[in-house]
Amino acid sequence: MVKETVIFALTSSTKLAETIANELEIPLGKITVDHFADGEILVTPHETVRGRSVFIIQSTYSPVTERLMEVLVCIDALKRASAAEINVIMPYFGYARQDRKAEPHQPITAKLVADMLTVAGADRIVTVDLHAAQIQGYFNIPIDDLTAVPLLGHYFKDFNSEDLVVVSPDHGGVTRARKLAEILNAPIAIVDKRRPRPNEVEAQNVIGDVEGKTAIVIDDICDTAGSLCAACKIIKDHGAKNVYAAITHGVFSRDAIKTIEESPIEKMVISDTIPLSEENAKATTKIVQLSVSDMLAETIDAIQNHKSVSRVYDQYMTRKLNG
């Protein structure tokens, strides 16, 4: 890692940032994030960034808008301090689910956030499993959308492949399910469902054969867990022997943990793009968390040393799956 690199952690991903910095063998940059009584945010770097390449690490989960504003204020501070390049590592990209107008008069906030990050002064964005791949097109700056699917697949590599079926909880997640199915050499199935309103789902049917099989339901986000657990229930009702879940971003709003604990899910494997809180960790016996820190560390190293991010990423995932 070149000496001119500075990594800053804001408030949401401090543990992940510390692990990344340790793997790169560089100290975390000193920075303070202050919130005034009226909610205004002040971000002050305590490192010289003039002419240096800076990486901000921050997932924008709850409180989403507050986390996002911290990133924007930090970018502005770094730009005004003459940083040579500002890279935003946003493992969980908040507002990504509003990526289109589902109904008249609705906003497209994924595009709005992309514009805000660009106008603030970000030079590059790195994310993990964007909710929709086309969000990359909302940016006019370089963006690397990594995926945690091979990392999640590594957990299941010792399962009997002849007994497995990978299930997408909806039609939109078929590409993601196909990636995991290829890793595990397993067929796929799809839950046919409709969503009458946000955070509510009505599962209808299963397309594909799940009877007598171990089903692995894969999705990018688990928020209230209602949609996921409804899908798991209908899979179980259609004769699945066991049901597991593989999720990149564990948002876990409202009673999500309770819903998961009461569901047919035997184990849920998640990444640490969003840290599992101590409260949630104590309340669950089903969730296993894996780290994306080494993947992000290698990505940062590739960016700084002008290597192909995709090639380094492919090599990393090959090692992960064969390890």
C-alpha atoms as a PDB file:
ATOM      1  CA  MET A   1       0.000   0.000   0.000  1.00  0.00           C
ATOM      2  CA  VAL A   2       1.436   3.362  -0.995  1.00  0.00           C
ATOM      3  CA  LYS A   3       2.248   5.804   1.785  1.00  0.00           C
ATOM      4  CA  GLU A   4      -0.029   8.508   0.399  1.00  0.00           C
ATOM      5  CA  THR A   5      -3.167   6.565   1.284  1.00  0.00           C
ATOM      6  CA  VAL A   6      -5.472   7.679   4.084  1.00  0.00           C
ATOM      7  CA  ILE A   7      -8.468   5.657   5.300  1.00  0.00           C
ATOM      8  CA  PHE A   8     -11.156   7.350   7.353  1.00  0.00           C
ATOM      9  CA  ALA A   9     -13.991   5.622   9.211  1.00  0.00           C
ATOM     10  CA  LEU A  10     -17.099   7.634   9.971  1.00  0.00           C
ATOM     11  CA  THR A  11     -19.724   6.411  12.453  1.00  0.00           C
ATOM     12  CA  SER A  12     -21.357   3.368  10.847  1.00  0.00           C
ATOM     13  CA  SER A  13     -18.523   1.061   9.776  1.00  0.00           C
ATOM     14  CA  THR A  14     -15.778   1.615  12.309  1.00  0.00           C
ATOM     15  CA  LYS A  15     -15.081  -2.047  13.049  1.00  0.00           C
ATOM     16  CA  LEU A  16     -15.033  -2.963   9.364  1.00  0.00           C
ATOM     17  CA  ALA A  17     -12.726  -0.022   8.626  1.00  0.00           C
ATOM     18  CA  GLU A  18     -10.347  -1.033  11.428  1.00  0.00           C
ATOM     19  CA  THR A  19     -10.124  -4.561  10.038  1.00  0.00           C
ATOM     20  CA  ILE A  20      -9.484  -3.256   6.519  1.00  0.00           C
ATOM     21  CA  ALA A  21      -6.754  -0.903   7.759  1.00  0.00           C
ATOM     22  CA  ASN A  22      -5.097  -3.735   9.699  1.00  0.00           C
ATOM     23  CA  GLU A  23      -5.080  -5.951   6.617  1.00  0.00           C
ATOM     24  CA  LEU A  24      -3.501  -3.141   4.596  1.00  0.00           C
ATOM     25  CA  GLU A  25      -1.044  -2.511   7.461  1.00  0.00           C
ATOM     26  CA  ILE A  26      -1.800   1.200   7.674  1.00  0.00           C
ATOM     27  CA  PRO A  27      -3.333   3.139  10.580  1.00  0.00           C
ATOM     28  CA  LEU A  28      -6.812   4.566  10.358  1.00  0.00           C
ATOM     29  CA  GLY A  29      -6.823   8.303   9.790  1.00  0.00           C
ATOM     30  CA  LYS A  30      -7.914  10.450  12.704  1.00  0.00           C
ATOM     31  CA  ILE A  31     -11.264  12.141  12.190  1.00  0.00           C
ATOM     32  CA  THR A  32     -14.081  13.435  14.369  1.00  0.00           C
ATOM     33  CA  VAL A  33     -17.792  13.487  13.580  1.00  0.00           C
ATOM     34  CA  ASP A  34     -19.799  15.898  15.719  1.00  0.00           C
ATOM     35  CA  HIS A  35     -23.582  16.221  15.804  1.00  0.00           C
ATOM     36  CA  PHE A  36     -24.934  19.521  17.088  1.00  0.00           C
ATOM     37  CA  ALA A  37     -28.075  19.732  19.216  1.00  0.00           C
ATOM     38  CA  ASP A  38     -30.176  20.746  16.215  1.00  0.00           C
ATOM     39  CA  GLY A  39     -28.942  17.820  14.125  1.00  0.00           C
ATOM     40  CA  GLU A  40     -26.297  19.606  12.050  1.00  0.00           C
ATOM     41  CA  ILE A  41     -23.160  17.567  11.322  1.00  0.00           C
ATOM     42  CA  LEU A  42     -19.529  18.642  11.467  1.00  0.00           C
ATOM     43  CA  VAL A  43     -16.802  16.320  10.159  1.00  0.00           C
ATOM     44  CA  THR A  44     -13.186  17.297  10.854  1.00  0.00           C
ATOM     45  CA  PRO A  45     -10.216  15.278   9.539  1.00  0.00           C
ATOM     46  CA  HIS A  46      -7.133  15.480  11.762  1.00  0.00           C
ATOM     47  CA  GLU A  47      -4.731  14.226   9.102  1.00  0.00           C
ATOM     48  CA  THR A  48      -3.022  16.081   6.283  1.00  0.00           C
ATOM     49  CA  VAL A  49      -4.753  14.998   3.084  1.00  0.00           C
ATOM     50  CA  ARG A  50      -3.253  17.493   0.631  1.00  0.00           C
ATOM     51  CA  GLY A  51      -2.254  15.593  -2.496  1.00  0.00           C
ATOM     52  CA  ARG A  52      -3.166  12.250  -0.934  1.00  0.00           C
ATOM     53  CA  SER A  53      -5.635   9.551  -1.964  1.00  0.00           C
ATOM     54  CA  VAL A  54      -8.389   9.242   0.630  1.00  0.00           C
ATOM     55  CA  PHE A  55     -10.869   6.423   1.284  1.00  0.00           C
ATOM     56  CA  ILE A  56     -14.032   7.070   3.316  1.00  0.00           C
ATOM     57  CA  ILE A  57     -15.659   3.909   4.697  1.00  0.00           C
ATOM     58  CA  GLN A  58     -19.317   4.253   5.618  1.00  0.00           C
ATOM     59  CA  SER A  59     -22.425   2.130   5.071  1.00  0.00           C
ATOM     60  CA  THR A  60     -25.591   4.207   4.938  1.00  0.00           C
ATOM     61  CA  TYR A  61     -27.957   2.154   7.066  1.00  0.00           C
ATOM     62  CA  SER A  62     -30.278   3.444   9.800  1.00  0.00           C
ATOM     63  CA  PRO A  63     -30.380   6.359  10.394  1.00  0.00           C
ATOM     64  CA  VAL A  64     -29.859   6.382   6.625  1.00  0.00           C
ATOM     65  CA  THR A  65     -30.106  10.101   5.901  1.00  0.00           C
ATOM     66  CA  GLU A  66     -27.823  10.980   8.820  1.00  0.00           C
ATOM     67  CA  ARG A  67     -25.159   8.497   7.657  1.00  0.00           C
ATOM     68  CA  LEU A  68     -25.399   9.826   4.115  1.00  0.00           C
ATOM     69  CA  MET A  69     -25.062  13.417   5.265  1.00  0.00           C
ATOM     70  CA  GLU A  70     -21.929  12.493   7.220  1.00  0.00           C
ATOM     71  CA  VAL A  71     -20.387  11.178   3.990  1.00  0.00           C
ATOM     72  CA  LEU A  72     -21.324  14.320   2.048  1.00  0.00           C
ATOM     73  CA  VAL A  73     -19.938  16.648   4.727  1.00  0.00           C
ATOM     74  CA  CYS A  74     -16.755  14.563   4.942  1.00  0.00           C
ATOM     75  CA  ILE A  75     -16.260  14.702   1.169  1.00  0.00           C
ATOM     76  CA  ASP A  76     -16.640  18.481   1.260  1.00  0.00           C
ATOM     77  CA  ALA A  77     -14.098  18.782   4.075  1.00  0.00           C
ATOM     78  CA  LEU A  78     -11.578  16.625   2.210  1.00  0.00           C
ATOM     79  CA  LYS A  79     -12.078  18.465  -1.061  1.00  0.00           C
ATOM     80  CA  ARG A  80     -11.500  21.807   0.663  1.00  0.00           C
ATOM     81  CA  ALA A  81      -8.365  20.324   2.279  1.00  0.00           C
ATOM     82  CA  SER A  82      -6.978  19.572  -1.218  1.00  0.00           C
ATOM     83  CA  ALA A  83      -7.207  15.777  -1.212  1.00  0.00           C
ATOM     84  CA  ALA A  84      -5.956  14.449  -4.559  1.00  0.00           C
ATOM     85  CA  GLU A  85      -8.625  11.753  -4.852  1.00  0.00           C
ATOM     86  CA  ILE A  86     -11.698  10.977  -2.745  1.00  0.00           C
ATOM     87  CA  ASN A  87     -12.917   7.372  -2.827  1.00  0.00           C
ATOM     88  CA  VAL A  88     -16.129   6.422  -1.023  1.00  0.00           C
ATOM     89  CA  ILE A  89     -16.361   2.801   0.133  1.00  0.00           C
ATOM     90  CA  MET A  90     -20.100   2.397   0.759  1.00  0.00           C
ATOM     91  CA  PRO A  91     -20.652  -1.338   1.344  1.00  0.00           C
ATOM     92  CA  TYR A  92     -24.382  -0.784   1.852  1.00  0.00           C
ATOM     93  CA  PHE A  93     -25.771   1.888  -0.466  1.00  0.00           C
ATOM     94  CA  GLY A  94     -28.853   3.374   1.181  1.00  0.00           C
ATOM     95  CA  TYR A  95     -31.828   4.527  -0.906  1.00  0.00           C
ATOM     96  CA  ALA A  96     -30.955   1.925  -3.567  1.00  0.00           C
ATOM     97  CA  ARG A  97     -34.410   0.327  -3.407  1.00  0.00           C
ATOM     98  CA  GLN A  98     -35.942   3.468  -4.888  1.00  0.00           C
ATOM     99  CA  ASP A  99     -34.246   2.895  -8.231  1.00  0.00           C
ATOM    100  CA  ARG A 100     -37.246   3.535 -10.503  1.00  0.00           C
ATOM    101  CA  LYS A 101     -40.732   5.047 -10.530  1.00  0.00           C
ATOM    102  CA  ALA A 102     -42.890   2.125  -9.446  1.00  0.00           C
ATOM    103  CA  GLU A 103     -45.917   4.435  -9.452  1.00  0.00           C
ATOM    104  CA  PRO A 104     -46.607   7.935 -10.816  1.00  0.00           C
ATOM    105  CA  HIS A 105     -45.093  10.899  -8.953  1.00  0.00           C
ATOM    106  CA  GLN A 106     -42.522   8.815  -7.074  1.00  0.00           C
ATOM    107  CA  PRO A 107     -38.856   9.899  -6.787  1.00  0.00           C
ATOM    108  CA  ILE A 108     -35.824   7.964  -7.983  1.00  0.00           C
ATOM    109  CA  THR A 109     -33.680   8.488  -4.912  1.00  0.00           C
ATOM    110  CA  ALA A 110     -30.893   6.114  -5.971  1.00  0.00           C
ATOM    111  CA  LYS A 111     -30.155   8.572  -8.787  1.00  0.00           C
ATOM    112  CA  LEU A 112     -30.497  11.524  -6.410  1.00  0.00           C
ATOM    113  CA  VAL A 113     -27.930  10.048  -4.004  1.00  0.00           C
ATOM    114  CA  ALA A 114     -25.575   9.288  -6.897  1.00  0.00           C
ATOM    115  CA  ASP A 115     -25.807  12.919  -8.001  1.00  0.00           C
ATOM    116  CA  MET A 116     -25.260  14.211  -4.456  1.00  0.00           C
ATOM    117  CA  LEU A 117     -22.109  12.123  -3.982  1.00  0.00           C
ATOM    118  CA  THR A 118     -20.748  13.255  -7.338  1.00  0.00           C
ATOM    119  CA  VAL A 119     -21.524  16.954  -6.832  1.00  0.00           C
ATOM    120  CA  ALA A 120     -20.041  16.833  -3.316  1.00  0.00           C
ATOM    121  CA  GLY A 121     -16.730  15.795  -4.883  1.00  0.00           C
ATOM    122  CA  ALA A 122     -16.401  11.994  -4.752  1.00  0.00           C
ATOM    123  CA  ASP A 123     -14.074  10.611  -7.439  1.00  0.00           C
ATOM    124  CA  ARG A 124     -14.957   6.914  -7.111  1.00  0.00           C
ATOM    125  CA  ILE A 125     -17.584   4.758  -5.399  1.00  0.00           C
ATOM    126  CA  VAL A 126     -17.162   1.161  -4.230  1.00  0.00           C
ATOM    127  CA  THR A 127     -20.262  -0.751  -3.183  1.00  0.00           C
ATOM    128  CA  VAL A 128     -21.260  -4.340  -2.451  1.00  0.00           C
ATOM    129  CA  ASP A 129     -24.328  -5.897  -4.108  1.00  0.00           C
ATOM    130  CA  LEU A 130     -26.278  -2.874  -5.257  1.00  0.00           C
ATOM    131  CA  HIS A 131     -29.995  -3.547  -5.115  1.00  0.00           C
ATOM    132  CA  ALA A 132     -30.146  -3.168  -8.899  1.00  0.00           C
ATOM    133  CA  ALA A 133     -27.141  -3.334 -11.217  1.00  0.00           C
ATOM    134  CA  GLN A 134     -28.429  -0.491 -13.377  1.00  0.00           C
ATOM    135  CA  ILE A 135     -27.798   1.952 -10.516  1.00  0.00           C
ATOM    136  CA  GLN A 136     -24.179   1.945 -11.699  1.00  0.00           C
ATOM    137  CA  GLY A 137     -25.439   3.908 -14.694  1.00  0.00           C
ATOM    138  CA  TYR A 138     -26.649   6.707 -12.426  1.00  0.00           C
ATOM    139  CA  PHE A 139     -23.021   7.686 -11.756  1.00  0.00           C
ATOM    140  CA  ASN A 140     -20.781   9.768 -14.007  1.00  0.00           C
ATOM    141  CA  ILE A 141     -17.728   8.728 -11.999  1.00  0.00           C
ATOM    142  CA  PRO A 142     -16.112   5.271 -11.698  1.00  0.00           C
ATOM    143  CA  ILE A 143     -18.046   2.782  -9.582  1.00  0.00           C
ATOM    144  CA  ASP A 144     -17.105  -0.762  -8.586  1.00  0.00           C
ATOM    145  CA  ASP A 145     -20.061  -2.901  -7.528  1.00  0.00           C
ATOM    146  CA  LEU A 146     -18.594  -5.955  -5.813  1.00  0.00           C
ATOM    147  CA  THR A 147     -20.623  -8.977  -4.775  1.00  0.00           C
ATOM    148  CA  ALA A 148     -20.641 -11.038  -1.600  1.00  0.00           C
ATOM    149  CA  VAL A 149     -22.289 -14.019  -3.326  1.00  0.00           C
ATOM    150  CA  PRO A 150     -19.084 -16.121  -3.533  1.00  0.00           C
ATOM    151  CA  LEU A 151     -18.318 -15.295   0.112  1.00  0.00           C
ATOM    152  CA  LEU A 152     -21.786 -16.491   1.129  1.00  0.00           C
ATOM    153  CA  GLY A 153     -21.457 -19.492  -1.173  1.00  0.00           C
ATOM    154  CA  HIS A 154     -18.243 -20.513   0.607  1.00  0.00           C
ATOM    155  CA  TYR A 155     -20.323 -21.210   3.725  1.00  0.00           C
ATOM    156  CA  PHE A 156     -22.397 -23.783   1.853  1.00  0.00           C
ATOM    157  CA  LYS A 157     -19.605 -25.396  -0.200  1.00  0.00           C
ATOM    158  CA  ASP A 158     -19.491 -28.529   1.993  1.00  0.00           C
ATOM    159  CA  PHE A 159     -23.226 -29.165   1.615  1.00  0.00           C
ATOM    160  CA  ASN A 160     -24.266 -32.076  -0.616  1.00  0.00           C
ATOM    161  CA  SER A 161     -24.771 -30.388  -4.006  1.00  0.00           C
ATOM    162  CA  GLU A 162     -27.184 -33.107  -5.183  1.00  0.00           C
ATOM    163  CA  ASP A 163     -29.492 -32.172  -2.319  1.00  0.00           C
ATOM    164  CA  LEU A 164     -29.376 -28.383  -2.857  1.00  0.00           C
ATOM    165  CA  VAL A 165     -31.624 -25.924  -4.633  1.00  0.00           C
ATOM    166  CA  VAL A 166     -30.944 -22.187  -4.719  1.00  0.00           C
ATOM    167  CA  VAL A 167     -34.102 -20.093  -4.467  1.00  0.00           C
ATOM    168  CA  SER A 168     -34.719 -16.507  -5.499  1.00  0.00           C
ATOM    169  CA  PRO A 169     -37.426 -14.954  -3.296  1.00  0.00           C
ATOM    170  CA  ASP A 170     -38.718 -12.998  -6.308  1.00  0.00           C
ATOM    171  CA  HIS A 171     -38.269 -12.650 -10.055  1.00  0.00           C
ATOM    172  CA  GLY A 172     -35.883  -9.701  -9.666  1.00  0.00           C
ATOM    173  CA  GLY A 173     -33.268 -11.768  -7.835  1.00  0.00           C
ATOM    174  CA  VAL A 174     -32.870 -14.530 -10.404  1.00  0.00           C
ATOM    175  CA  THR A 175     -29.451 -13.314 -11.628  1.00  0.00           C
ATOM    176  CA  ARG A 176     -28.127 -13.349  -8.062  1.00  0.00           C
ATOM    177  CA  ALA A 177     -29.554 -16.837  -7.473  1.00  0.00           C
ATOM    178  CA  ARG A 178     -27.982 -18.055 -10.697  1.00  0.00           C
ATOM    179  CA  LYS A 179     -24.540 -16.897  -9.517  1.00  0.00           C
ATOM    180  CA  LEU A 180     -24.854 -18.860  -6.274  1.00  0.00           C
ATOM    181  CA  ALA A 181     -26.295 -21.869  -8.108  1.00  0.00           C
ATOM    182  CA  GLU A 182     -23.261 -21.952 -10.407  1.00  0.00           C
ATOM    183  CA  ILE A 183     -20.923 -21.843  -7.403  1.00  0.00           C
ATOM    184  CA  LEU A 184     -22.762 -24.691  -5.678  1.00  0.00           C
ATOM    185  CA  ASN A 185     -23.552 -26.624  -8.870  1.00  0.00           C
ATOM    186  CA  ALA A 186     -27.237 -26.617  -7.947  1.00  0.00           C
ATOM    187  CA  PRO A 187     -30.551 -25.924  -9.735  1.00  0.00           C
ATOM    188  CA  ILE A 188     -32.611 -22.816  -9.011  1.00  0.00           C
ATOM    189  CA  ALA A 189     -36.217 -22.121  -8.106  1.00  0.00           C
ATOM    190  CA  ILE A 190     -38.210 -18.898  -7.868  1.00  0.00           C
ATOM    191  CA  VAL A 191     -40.889 -17.809  -5.423  1.00  0.00           C
ATOM    192  CA  ASP A 192     -43.751 -16.121  -7.265  1.00  0.00           C
ATOM    193  CA  LYS A 193     -45.060 -13.366  -5.034  1.00  0.00           C
ATOM    194  CA  ARG A 194     -46.542  -9.893  -5.058  1.00  0.00           C
ATOM    195  CA  ARG A 195     -45.951  -6.931  -2.756  1.00  0.00           C
ATOM    196  CA  PRO A 196     -49.234  -5.068  -1.986  1.00  0.00           C
ATOM    197  CA  ARG A 197     -47.362  -2.308  -0.108  1.00  0.00           C
ATOM    198  CA  PRO A 198     -43.817  -1.627   1.235  1.00  0.00           C
ATOM    199  CA  ASN A 199     -42.529  -4.199   3.764  1.00  0.00           C
ATOM    200  CA  GLU A 200     -45.490  -6.498   3.072  1.00  0.00           C
ATOM    201  CA  VAL A 201     -45.565  -9.491   0.765  1.00  0.00           C
ATOM    202  CA  GLU A 202     -47.957 -12.168  -0.345  1.00  0.00           C
ATOM    203  CA  ALA A 203     -46.146 -15.303  -1.500  1.00  0.00           C
ATOM    204  CA  GLN A 204     -48.071 -17.146  -4.177  1.00  0.00           C
ATOM    205  CA  ASN A 205     -46.238 -20.158  -5.557  1.00  0.00           C
ATOM    206  CA  VAL A 206     -42.867 -21.771  -6.254  1.00  0.00           C
ATOM    207  CA  ILE A 207     -41.495 -22.143  -9.763  1.00  0.00           C
ATOM    208  CA  GLY A 208     -39.124 -25.123  -9.709  1.00  0.00           C
ATOM    209  CA  ASP A 209     -38.622 -28.255  -7.630  1.00  0.00           C
ATOM    210  CA  VAL A 210     -37.880 -27.833  -3.916  1.00  0.00           C
ATOM    211  CA  GLU A 211     -39.513 -30.995  -2.556  1.00  0.00           C
ATOM    212  CA  GLY A 212     -37.165 -33.034  -0.366  1.00  0.00           C
ATOM    213  CA  LYS A 213     -34.295 -30.611  -0.945  1.00  0.00           C
ATOM    214  CA  THR A 214     -32.188 -28.237   1.137  1.00  0.00           C
ATOM    215  CA  ALA A 215     -33.198 -24.786  -0.078  1.00  0.00           C
ATOM    216  CA  ILE A 216     -30.886 -21.783   0.111  1.00  0.00           C
ATOM    217  CA  VAL A 217     -32.807 -18.543  -0.318  1.00  0.00           C
ATOM    218  CA  ILE A 218     -30.534 -15.733  -1.476  1.00  0.00           C
ATOM    219  CA  ASP A 219     -31.293 -12.009  -1.456  1.00  0.00           C
ATOM    220  CA  ASP A 220     -29.369  -8.755  -1.229  1.00  0.00           C
ATOM    221  CA  ILE A 221     -31.320  -7.146   1.637  1.00  0.00           C
ATOM    222  CA  CYS A 222     -33.196  -8.379   4.675  1.00  0.00           C
ATOM    223  CA  ASP A 223     -35.077  -5.426   6.170  1.00  0.00           C
ATOM    224  CA  THR A 224     -38.122  -6.356   8.263  1.00  0.00           C
ATOM    225  CA  ALA A 225     -37.692 -10.030   7.205  1.00  0.00           C
ATOM    226  CA  GLY A 226     -41.400 -10.284   6.352  1.00  0.00           C
ATOM    227  CA  SER A 227     -40.812 -10.848   2.639  1.00  0.00           C
ATOM    228  CA  LEU A 228     -37.976 -13.308   3.182  1.00  0.00           C
ATOM    229  CA  CYS A 229     -39.757 -15.361   5.836  1.00  0.00           C
ATOM    230  CA  ALA A 230     -42.954 -15.486   3.783  1.00  0.00           C
ATOM    231  CA  ALA A 231     -40.913 -16.895   0.913  1.00  0.00           C
ATOM    232  CA  CYS A 232     -39.237 -19.420   3.230  1.00  0.00           C
ATOM    233  CA  LYS A 233     -42.601 -20.553   4.573  1.00  0.00           C
ATOM    234  CA  ILE A 234     -44.017 -21.248   1.137  1.00  0.00           C
ATOM    235  CA  ILE A 235     -40.810 -23.121   0.210  1.00  0.00           C
ATOM    236  CA  LYS A 236     -41.220 -25.252   3.327  1.00  0.00           C
ATOM    237  CA  ASP A 237     -44.905 -25.758   2.518  1.00  0.00           C
ATOM    238  CA  HIS A 238     -43.865 -27.039  -0.909  1.00  0.00           C
ATOM    239  CA  GLY A 239     -41.848 -29.825   0.684  1.00  0.00           C
ATOM    240  CA  ALA A 240     -38.340 -28.433   1.216  1.00  0.00           C
ATOM    241  CA  LYS A 241     -36.416 -30.500   3.767  1.00  0.00           C
ATOM    242  CA  ASN A 242     -34.393 -27.582   5.170  1.00  0.00           C
ATOM    243  CA  VAL A 243     -34.363 -23.856   4.484  1.00  0.00           C
ATOM    244  CA  TYR A 244     -31.303 -21.609   4.781  1.00  0.00           C
ATOM    245  CA  ALA A 245     -30.904 -17.929   3.877  1.00  0.00           C
ATOM    246  CA  ALA A 246     -27.927 -16.082   2.386  1.00  0.00           C
ATOM    247  CA  ILE A 247     -28.171 -12.293   2.660  1.00  0.00           C
ATOM    248  CA  THR A 248     -25.622  -9.595   1.840  1.00  0.00           C
ATOM    249  CA  HIS A 249     -27.090  -6.706   3.849  1.00  0.00           C
ATOM    250  CA  GLY A 250     -28.719  -7.436   7.203  1.00  0.00           C
ATOM    251  CA  VAL A 251     -30.739  -4.256   7.766  1.00  0.00           C
ATOM    252  CA  PHE A 252     -33.026  -5.891  10.377  1.00  0.00           C
ATOM    253  CA  SER A 253     -35.645  -3.213  11.060  1.00  0.00           C
ATOM    254  CA  ARG A 254     -38.581  -3.448  13.481  1.00  0.00           C
ATOM    255  CA  ASP A 255     -39.133  -7.045  14.689  1.00  0.00           C
ATOM    256  CA  ALA A 256     -36.932  -8.637  12.030  1.00  0.00           C
ATOM    257  CA  ILE A 257     -34.881 -10.762  14.432  1.00  0.00           C
ATOM    258  CA  LYS A 258     -37.995 -12.112  16.148  1.00  0.00           C
ATOM    259  CA  THR A 259     -39.550 -12.876  12.755  1.00  0.00           C
ATOM    260  CA  ILE A 260     -36.425 -14.774  11.686  1.00  0.00           C
ATOM    261  CA  GLU A 261     -36.269 -16.728  14.941  1.00  0.00           C
ATOM    262  CA  GLU A 262     -39.897 -17.820  14.510  1.00  0.00           C
ATOM    263  CA  SER A 263     -39.457 -18.697  10.817  1.00  0.00           C
ATOM    264  CA  PRO A 264     -38.538 -22.034   9.161  1.00  0.00           C
ATOM    265  CA  ILE A 265     -35.022 -20.678   8.475  1.00  0.00           C
ATOM    266  CA  GLU A 266     -32.387 -22.910  10.088  1.00  0.00           C
ATOM    267  CA  LYS A 267     -29.429 -20.561   9.558  1.00  0.00           C
ATOM    268  CA  MET A 268     -29.090 -17.150   7.967  1.00  0.00           C
ATOM    269  CA  VAL A 269     -25.660 -16.229   6.637  1.00  0.00           C
ATOM    270  CA  ILE A 270     -25.013 -12.494   6.246  1.00  0.00           C
ATOM    271  CA  SER A 271     -22.036 -10.262   5.499  1.00  0.00           C
ATOM    272  CA  ASP A 272     -20.788  -7.423   7.694  1.00  0.00           C
ATOM    273  CA  THR A 273     -21.574  -4.616   5.246  1.00  0.00           C
ATOM    274  CA  ILE A 274     -23.929  -3.700   8.087  1.00  0.00           C
ATOM    275  CA  PRO A 275     -22.645  -4.741  11.519  1.00  0.00           C
ATOM    276  CA  LEU A 276     -24.840  -7.023  13.596  1.00  0.00           C
ATOM    277  CA  SER A 277     -25.635  -5.071  16.748  1.00  0.00           C
ATOM    278  CA  GLU A 278     -24.913  -6.591  20.152  1.00  0.00           C
ATOM    279  CA  GLU A 279     -28.624  -6.536  20.937  1.00  0.00           C
ATOM    280  CA  ASN A 280     -29.494  -8.456  17.780  1.00  0.00           C
ATOM    281  CA  ALA A 281     -26.588 -10.862  18.225  1.00  0.00           C
ATOM    282  CA  LYS A 282     -27.868 -11.783  21.690  1.00  0.00           C
ATOM    283  CA  ALA A 283     -31.435 -12.175  20.425  1.00  0.00           C
ATOM    284  CA  THR A 284     -30.693 -14.673  17.656  1.00  0.00           C
ATOM    285  CA  THR A 285     -29.382 -18.216  17.423  1.00  0.00           C
ATOM    286  CA  LYS A 286     -29.711 -18.398  13.662  1.00  0.00           C
ATOM    287  CA  ILE A 287     -27.528 -15.642  12.197  1.00  0.00           C
ATOM    288  CA  VAL A 288     -23.920 -16.203  11.111  1.00  0.00           C
ATOM    289  CA  GLN A 289     -21.928 -13.151   9.979  1.00  0.00           C
ATOM    290  CA  LEU A 290     -19.016 -13.294   7.521  1.00  0.00           C
ATOM    291  CA  SER A 291     -16.641 -10.420   6.780  1.00  0.00           C
ATOM    292  CA  VAL A 292     -16.064  -8.616   3.487  1.00  0.00           C
ATOM    293  CA  SER A 293     -13.032  -6.824   4.943  1.00  0.00           C
ATOM    294  CA  ASP A 294     -10.401  -8.758   2.997  1.00  0.00           C
ATOM    295  CA  MET A 295     -12.331  -8.260  -0.265  1.00  0.00           C
ATOM    296  CA  LEU A 296     -12.514  -4.518   0.326  1.00  0.00           C
ATOM    297  CA  ALA A 297      -8.869  -4.346   1.431  1.00  0.00           C
ATOM    298  CA  GLU A 298      -7.735  -5.995  -1.794  1.00  0.00           C
ATOM    299  CA  THR A 299      -9.975  -3.646  -3.777  1.00  0.00           C
ATOM    300  CA  ILE A 300      -8.443  -0.582  -2.106  1.00  0.00           C
ATOM    301  CA  ASP A 301      -4.959  -1.962  -2.769  1.00  0.00           C
ATOM    302  CA  ALA A 302      -5.840  -2.526  -6.443  1.00  0.00           C
ATOM    303  CA  ILE A 303      -7.173   1.022  -6.833  1.00  0.00           C
ATOM    304  CA  GLN A 304      -4.112   2.541  -5.219  1.00  0.00           C
ATOM    305  CA  ASN A 305      -1.652   0.476  -7.256  1.00  0.00           C
ATOM    306  CA  HIS A 306      -3.545   0.975 -10.524  1.00  0.00           C
ATOM    307  CA  LYS A 307      -4.380  -2.698 -10.932  1.00  0.00           C
ATOM    308  CA  SER A 308      -7.516  -4.129 -12.498  1.00  0.00           C
ATOM    309  CA  VAL A 309     -10.115  -4.254  -9.728  1.00  0.00           C
ATOM    310  CA  SER A 310     -12.081  -6.980 -11.529  1.00  0.00           C
ATOM    311  CA  ARG A 311      -8.987  -9.162 -11.952  1.00  0.00           C
ATOM    312  CA  VAL A 312      -7.917  -8.782  -8.325  1.00  0.00           C
ATOM    313  CA  TYR A 313     -11.506  -9.432  -7.250  1.00  0.00           C
ATOM    314  CA  ASP A 314     -11.737 -12.587  -9.393  1.00  0.00           C
ATOM    315  CA  GLN A 315      -8.458 -13.878  -7.961  1.00  0.00           C
ATOM    316  CA  TYR A 316      -9.653 -13.175  -4.427  1.00  0.00           C
ATOM    317  CA  MET A 317     -12.920 -15.018  -4.975  1.00  0.00           C
ATOM    318  CA  THR A 318     -11.153 -17.980  -6.557  1.00  0.00           C
ATOM    319  CA  ARG A 319      -9.013 -18.286  -3.441  1.00  0.00           C
ATOM    320  CA  LYS A 320     -12.059 -17.891  -1.214  1.00  0.00           C
ATOM    321  CA  LEU A 321     -14.017 -20.647  -2.946  1.00  0.00           C
ATOM    322  CA  ASN A 322     -11.069 -23.041  -3.161  1.00  0.00           C
ATOM    323  CA  GLY A 323      -9.846 -22.345   0.347  1.00  0.00           C
END
